[in-house]
Amino acid sequence: MKKTILVICAFALLAGCTTGSKVTFNRGTAVVQTASRSEPIFYNGKTYQLDYDYLEGQGAFDMKVSGLSPKQQQDAMNIATSGLSYFACPDGQRGKLMGMPVYVGKKWTAYAKCG
C-alpha cells in the first residue's frame, strides 16, 4: 500500500515537469521612481512623516522627516534611507545619504540617492 502511494506521488511530480516549458526572465533597466511622495512611516512604535522631492539637476532626493526631536539624527537617517529604498529605488538598491541630515524647522532634512 505504501509503495503504491509513493509510486503515484512520483508520477504526479513527474507529470508536472515538462521538457517543453520555457521560463523567460525580463531583465530591463532598473528605473528610479522620481515622483514626489509624502508618506507616514511607522518606525520604533511611532509614526513619522517622510516627504521627498527629486532634484533633477542634482540627481538626488530632498528628504524631509518630521516628528522627530533634534536628538534623533540616527533615526532620521534610518527613516530617510529605508523610505527611499522602499518607495523610489529599484529592487536591490538601497537609499544612501549624501552627507549628514540637518535639523531645521522641526524637520530633519537630508539629500539621498539610490545606489
N, C-alpha and C. Protein backbone atom coordinates (compact mmCIF):
# COMPACT_ATOMS: atom_id res chain seq x y z
N MET A 1 0.83 -1.19 0.00
CA MET A 1 0.00 0.00 0.00
C MET A 1 0.88 1.26 0.00
N LYS A 2 1.91 1.26 0.86
CA LYS A 2 2.80 2.42 0.92
C LYS A 2 3.56 2.61 -0.39
N LYS A 3 3.98 1.48 -0.99
CA LYS A 3 4.71 1.57 -2.25
C LYS A 3 3.83 2.13 -3.36
N THR A 4 2.56 1.76 -3.36
CA THR A 4 1.63 2.25 -4.37
C THR A 4 1.45 3.75 -4.24
N ILE A 5 1.32 4.23 -3.02
CA ILE A 5 1.15 5.68 -2.79
C ILE A 5 2.41 6.42 -3.22
N LEU A 6 3.59 5.88 -2.90
CA LEU A 6 4.84 6.52 -3.31
C LEU A 6 4.97 6.58 -4.83
N VAL A 7 4.59 5.51 -5.50
CA VAL A 7 4.66 5.47 -6.97
C VAL A 7 3.71 6.50 -7.57
N ILE A 8 2.51 6.59 -7.04
CA ILE A 8 1.54 7.58 -7.54
C ILE A 8 2.06 9.00 -7.34
N CYS A 9 2.63 9.27 -6.16
CA CYS A 9 3.20 10.60 -5.89
C CYS A 9 4.35 10.91 -6.84
N ALA A 10 5.20 9.92 -7.10
CA ALA A 10 6.33 10.12 -8.01
C ALA A 10 5.85 10.45 -9.41
N PHE A 11 4.83 9.71 -9.90
CA PHE A 11 4.29 10.00 -11.22
C PHE A 11 3.63 11.38 -11.27
N ALA A 12 2.96 11.77 -10.19
CA ALA A 12 2.32 13.09 -10.15
C ALA A 12 3.38 14.19 -10.23
N LEU A 13 4.48 14.02 -9.53
CA LEU A 13 5.56 15.00 -9.59
C LEU A 13 6.18 15.07 -10.98
N LEU A 14 6.41 13.92 -11.58
CA LEU A 14 7.00 13.89 -12.91
C LEU A 14 6.06 14.45 -13.96
N ALA A 15 4.77 14.28 -13.76
CA ALA A 15 3.79 14.80 -14.72
C ALA A 15 3.82 16.33 -14.74
N GLY A 16 4.17 16.93 -13.62
CA GLY A 16 4.23 18.39 -13.56
C GLY A 16 5.44 18.95 -14.28
N CYS A 17 6.44 18.13 -14.52
CA CYS A 17 7.65 18.57 -15.22
C CYS A 17 7.51 18.25 -16.69
N THR A 18 7.62 19.27 -17.52
CA THR A 18 7.58 19.04 -18.96
C THR A 18 8.85 19.60 -19.56
N THR A 19 9.35 18.95 -20.57
CA THR A 19 10.59 19.41 -21.19
C THR A 19 10.36 20.58 -22.14
N GLY A 20 9.13 20.82 -22.53
CA GLY A 20 8.84 21.88 -23.49
C GLY A 20 8.60 23.24 -22.84
N SER A 21 8.53 23.32 -21.52
CA SER A 21 8.23 24.61 -20.89
C SER A 21 9.48 25.48 -20.85
N LYS A 22 9.27 26.76 -21.04
CA LYS A 22 10.38 27.72 -21.01
C LYS A 22 10.07 28.80 -19.99
N VAL A 23 11.08 29.22 -19.29
CA VAL A 23 10.96 30.31 -18.34
C VAL A 23 11.71 31.49 -18.91
N THR A 24 11.05 32.63 -18.98
CA THR A 24 11.66 33.82 -19.53
C THR A 24 11.91 34.82 -18.42
N PHE A 25 13.10 35.35 -18.37
CA PHE A 25 13.45 36.38 -17.39
C PHE A 25 13.56 37.71 -18.12
N ASN A 26 12.81 38.68 -17.64
CA ASN A 26 12.89 40.02 -18.21
C ASN A 26 13.88 40.83 -17.38
N ARG A 27 14.94 41.22 -17.99
CA ARG A 27 15.95 42.00 -17.28
C ARG A 27 16.09 43.36 -17.94
N GLY A 28 15.10 44.19 -17.70
CA GLY A 28 15.15 45.54 -18.23
C GLY A 28 15.98 46.42 -17.32
N THR A 29 16.15 47.64 -17.74
CA THR A 29 16.92 48.56 -16.91
C THR A 29 16.10 48.97 -15.70
N ALA A 30 16.75 49.07 -14.56
CA ALA A 30 16.08 49.48 -13.32
C ALA A 30 15.85 50.98 -13.37
N VAL A 31 14.67 51.40 -12.96
CA VAL A 31 14.29 52.80 -13.04
C VAL A 31 14.01 53.33 -11.64
N VAL A 32 14.60 54.47 -11.32
CA VAL A 32 14.33 55.14 -10.06
C VAL A 32 13.00 55.86 -10.18
N GLN A 33 12.14 55.72 -9.19
CA GLN A 33 10.83 56.38 -9.17
C GLN A 33 11.02 57.81 -8.67
N THR A 34 10.97 58.79 -9.56
CA THR A 34 11.30 60.17 -9.22
C THR A 34 10.10 61.02 -8.81
N ALA A 35 8.93 60.44 -8.75
CA ALA A 35 7.74 61.21 -8.36
C ALA A 35 7.86 61.63 -6.89
N SER A 36 7.44 62.84 -6.59
CA SER A 36 7.43 63.31 -5.21
C SER A 36 6.46 62.47 -4.40
N ARG A 37 6.78 62.33 -3.10
CA ARG A 37 5.95 61.49 -2.24
C ARG A 37 5.88 62.06 -0.85
N SER A 38 4.78 61.76 -0.20
CA SER A 38 4.58 62.11 1.21
C SER A 38 3.95 60.89 1.86
N GLU A 39 4.66 60.26 2.80
CA GLU A 39 4.21 59.00 3.38
C GLU A 39 4.36 59.00 4.89
N PRO A 40 3.37 58.45 5.60
CA PRO A 40 3.57 58.19 7.03
C PRO A 40 4.46 56.95 7.16
N ILE A 41 5.45 57.01 8.04
CA ILE A 41 6.38 55.91 8.25
C ILE A 41 6.27 55.44 9.70
N PHE A 42 5.99 54.16 9.88
CA PHE A 42 5.91 53.58 11.22
C PHE A 42 7.30 53.05 11.56
N TYR A 43 7.90 53.59 12.63
CA TYR A 43 9.27 53.25 12.99
C TYR A 43 9.40 53.24 14.51
N ASN A 44 9.90 52.16 15.05
CA ASN A 44 10.10 52.01 16.51
C ASN A 44 8.84 52.34 17.31
N GLY A 45 7.70 51.90 16.82
CA GLY A 45 6.46 52.05 17.56
C GLY A 45 5.77 53.39 17.40
N LYS A 46 6.31 54.28 16.60
CA LYS A 46 5.70 55.60 16.39
C LYS A 46 5.58 55.88 14.89
N THR A 47 4.72 56.82 14.55
CA THR A 47 4.53 57.20 13.15
C THR A 47 5.16 58.57 12.91
N TYR A 48 5.96 58.64 11.85
CA TYR A 48 6.63 59.88 11.46
C TYR A 48 6.21 60.20 10.03
N GLN A 49 6.53 61.40 9.59
CA GLN A 49 6.17 61.82 8.24
C GLN A 49 7.43 61.94 7.39
N LEU A 50 7.42 61.28 6.23
CA LEU A 50 8.52 61.37 5.28
C LEU A 50 8.00 62.04 4.01
N ASP A 51 8.65 63.13 3.63
CA ASP A 51 8.32 63.84 2.39
C ASP A 51 9.60 63.93 1.57
N TYR A 52 9.50 63.67 0.27
CA TYR A 52 10.69 63.86 -0.55
C TYR A 52 10.32 64.30 -1.96
N ASP A 53 11.26 65.01 -2.54
CA ASP A 53 11.16 65.51 -3.91
C ASP A 53 12.45 65.17 -4.62
N TYR A 54 12.33 64.84 -5.90
CA TYR A 54 13.52 64.55 -6.71
C TYR A 54 14.05 65.86 -7.28
N LEU A 55 15.35 66.08 -7.12
CA LEU A 55 16.01 67.26 -7.65
C LEU A 55 16.71 66.86 -8.95
N GLU A 56 16.09 67.18 -10.06
CA GLU A 56 16.56 66.72 -11.38
C GLU A 56 18.01 67.10 -11.65
N GLY A 57 18.37 68.32 -11.38
CA GLY A 57 19.73 68.79 -11.67
C GLY A 57 20.80 68.10 -10.85
N GLN A 58 20.45 67.66 -9.65
CA GLN A 58 21.43 67.01 -8.77
C GLN A 58 21.36 65.49 -8.83
N GLY A 59 20.29 64.97 -9.39
CA GLY A 59 20.12 63.52 -9.43
C GLY A 59 19.97 62.92 -8.04
N ALA A 60 19.38 63.70 -7.15
CA ALA A 60 19.23 63.27 -5.76
C ALA A 60 17.84 63.65 -5.25
N PHE A 61 17.51 63.12 -4.10
CA PHE A 61 16.23 63.39 -3.46
C PHE A 61 16.43 64.32 -2.28
N ASP A 62 15.54 65.30 -2.14
CA ASP A 62 15.49 66.17 -0.97
C ASP A 62 14.53 65.50 0.00
N MET A 63 15.08 64.91 1.07
CA MET A 63 14.31 64.13 2.03
C MET A 63 14.02 64.98 3.27
N LYS A 64 12.77 64.94 3.74
CA LYS A 64 12.39 65.64 4.96
C LYS A 64 11.64 64.67 5.86
N VAL A 65 12.11 64.55 7.11
CA VAL A 65 11.48 63.66 8.09
C VAL A 65 11.02 64.53 9.25
N SER A 66 9.72 64.51 9.52
CA SER A 66 9.19 65.30 10.63
C SER A 66 8.61 64.37 11.70
N GLY A 67 8.51 64.93 12.91
CA GLY A 67 8.00 64.17 14.04
C GLY A 67 9.10 63.67 14.97
N LEU A 68 10.34 64.00 14.64
CA LEU A 68 11.48 63.60 15.46
C LEU A 68 12.03 64.79 16.24
N SER A 69 12.74 64.52 17.31
CA SER A 69 13.37 65.59 18.09
C SER A 69 14.76 65.91 17.50
N PRO A 70 15.36 67.00 17.93
CA PRO A 70 16.70 67.35 17.44
C PRO A 70 17.76 66.31 17.81
N LYS A 71 17.49 65.46 18.78
CA LYS A 71 18.47 64.46 19.22
C LYS A 71 18.33 63.13 18.47
N GLN A 72 17.41 63.03 17.53
CA GLN A 72 17.15 61.77 16.85
C GLN A 72 17.73 61.74 15.44
N GLN A 73 18.96 62.17 15.30
CA GLN A 73 19.58 62.20 13.99
C GLN A 73 19.70 60.80 13.37
N GLN A 74 20.10 59.82 14.16
CA GLN A 74 20.24 58.45 13.63
C GLN A 74 18.89 57.90 13.16
N ASP A 75 17.84 58.19 13.91
CA ASP A 75 16.50 57.76 13.49
C ASP A 75 16.11 58.43 12.18
N ALA A 76 16.42 59.71 12.03
CA ALA A 76 16.12 60.42 10.78
C ALA A 76 16.87 59.79 9.61
N MET A 77 18.12 59.41 9.83
CA MET A 77 18.91 58.77 8.78
C MET A 77 18.29 57.42 8.40
N ASN A 78 17.89 56.65 9.39
CA ASN A 78 17.30 55.34 9.13
C ASN A 78 15.97 55.45 8.37
N ILE A 79 15.13 56.38 8.79
CA ILE A 79 13.83 56.57 8.14
C ILE A 79 14.01 57.04 6.69
N ALA A 80 14.92 57.99 6.47
CA ALA A 80 15.14 58.52 5.12
C ALA A 80 15.68 57.45 4.18
N THR A 81 16.70 56.73 4.60
CA THR A 81 17.29 55.73 3.70
C THR A 81 16.36 54.54 3.47
N SER A 82 15.68 54.12 4.51
CA SER A 82 14.76 53.00 4.37
C SER A 82 13.57 53.37 3.50
N GLY A 83 13.00 54.55 3.75
CA GLY A 83 11.86 55.01 2.96
C GLY A 83 12.22 55.17 1.49
N LEU A 84 13.39 55.73 1.21
CA LEU A 84 13.82 55.90 -0.17
C LEU A 84 14.02 54.54 -0.84
N SER A 85 14.63 53.61 -0.13
CA SER A 85 14.83 52.26 -0.68
C SER A 85 13.50 51.62 -1.03
N TYR A 86 12.52 51.77 -0.18
CA TYR A 86 11.23 51.12 -0.38
C TYR A 86 10.40 51.79 -1.47
N PHE A 87 10.34 53.12 -1.48
CA PHE A 87 9.42 53.83 -2.37
C PHE A 87 10.03 54.22 -3.72
N ALA A 88 11.33 54.45 -3.80
CA ALA A 88 11.89 55.04 -5.02
C ALA A 88 12.96 54.20 -5.71
N CYS A 89 13.76 53.48 -4.96
CA CYS A 89 14.90 52.77 -5.55
C CYS A 89 14.46 51.46 -6.20
N PRO A 90 15.12 51.09 -7.30
CA PRO A 90 14.83 49.78 -7.92
C PRO A 90 15.19 48.65 -6.95
N ASP A 91 14.62 47.49 -7.18
CA ASP A 91 14.91 46.33 -6.34
C ASP A 91 16.41 46.09 -6.26
N GLY A 92 16.88 45.82 -5.07
CA GLY A 92 18.29 45.52 -4.87
C GLY A 92 19.15 46.75 -4.59
N GLN A 93 18.59 47.94 -4.73
CA GLN A 93 19.35 49.15 -4.43
C GLN A 93 18.86 49.76 -3.13
N ARG A 94 19.76 50.36 -2.40
CA ARG A 94 19.44 50.98 -1.13
C ARG A 94 19.55 52.50 -1.28
N GLY A 95 18.84 53.21 -0.41
CA GLY A 95 18.99 54.64 -0.34
C GLY A 95 20.27 54.98 0.40
N LYS A 96 21.02 55.94 -0.12
CA LYS A 96 22.29 56.36 0.51
C LYS A 96 22.27 57.87 0.71
N LEU A 97 22.58 58.28 1.92
CA LEU A 97 22.62 59.71 2.22
C LEU A 97 23.85 60.35 1.61
N MET A 98 23.70 61.59 1.20
CA MET A 98 24.81 62.40 0.71
C MET A 98 25.11 63.43 1.79
N GLY A 99 25.92 63.08 2.73
CA GLY A 99 26.19 63.96 3.87
C GLY A 99 25.24 63.64 5.01
N MET A 100 25.40 64.38 6.08
CA MET A 100 24.60 64.17 7.28
C MET A 100 23.32 65.01 7.23
N PRO A 101 22.23 64.52 7.82
CA PRO A 101 21.00 65.31 7.86
C PRO A 101 21.14 66.50 8.81
N VAL A 102 20.35 67.52 8.55
CA VAL A 102 20.36 68.75 9.33
C VAL A 102 18.97 68.98 9.89
N TYR A 103 18.88 69.40 11.16
CA TYR A 103 17.59 69.67 11.80
C TYR A 103 17.26 71.14 11.65
N VAL A 104 16.22 71.44 10.85
CA VAL A 104 15.80 72.82 10.60
C VAL A 104 14.28 72.87 10.61
N GLY A 105 13.71 73.78 11.37
CA GLY A 105 12.25 73.98 11.37
C GLY A 105 11.47 72.74 11.77
N LYS A 106 11.92 72.06 12.79
CA LYS A 106 11.26 70.86 13.33
C LYS A 106 11.24 69.69 12.35
N LYS A 107 12.16 69.72 11.38
CA LYS A 107 12.27 68.62 10.40
C LYS A 107 13.74 68.30 10.20
N TRP A 108 14.01 67.03 9.98
CA TRP A 108 15.33 66.61 9.56
C TRP A 108 15.36 66.65 8.04
N THR A 109 16.35 67.30 7.47
CA THR A 109 16.49 67.41 6.02
C THR A 109 17.78 66.73 5.61
N ALA A 110 17.70 65.93 4.57
CA ALA A 110 18.87 65.23 4.04
C ALA A 110 18.72 65.08 2.54
N TYR A 111 19.85 64.86 1.88
CA TYR A 111 19.86 64.58 0.47
C TYR A 111 20.33 63.13 0.30
N ALA A 112 19.68 62.41 -0.60
CA ALA A 112 19.99 60.99 -0.76
C ALA A 112 19.87 60.56 -2.22
N LYS A 113 20.51 59.45 -2.53
CA LYS A 113 20.45 58.83 -3.86
C LYS A 113 20.20 57.34 -3.69
N CYS A 114 19.80 56.72 -4.77
CA CYS A 114 19.72 55.25 -4.80
C CYS A 114 21.09 54.74 -5.26
N GLY A 115 21.48 53.62 -4.70
CA GLY A 115 22.77 53.10 -5.17
C GLY A 115 23.25 51.91 -4.44
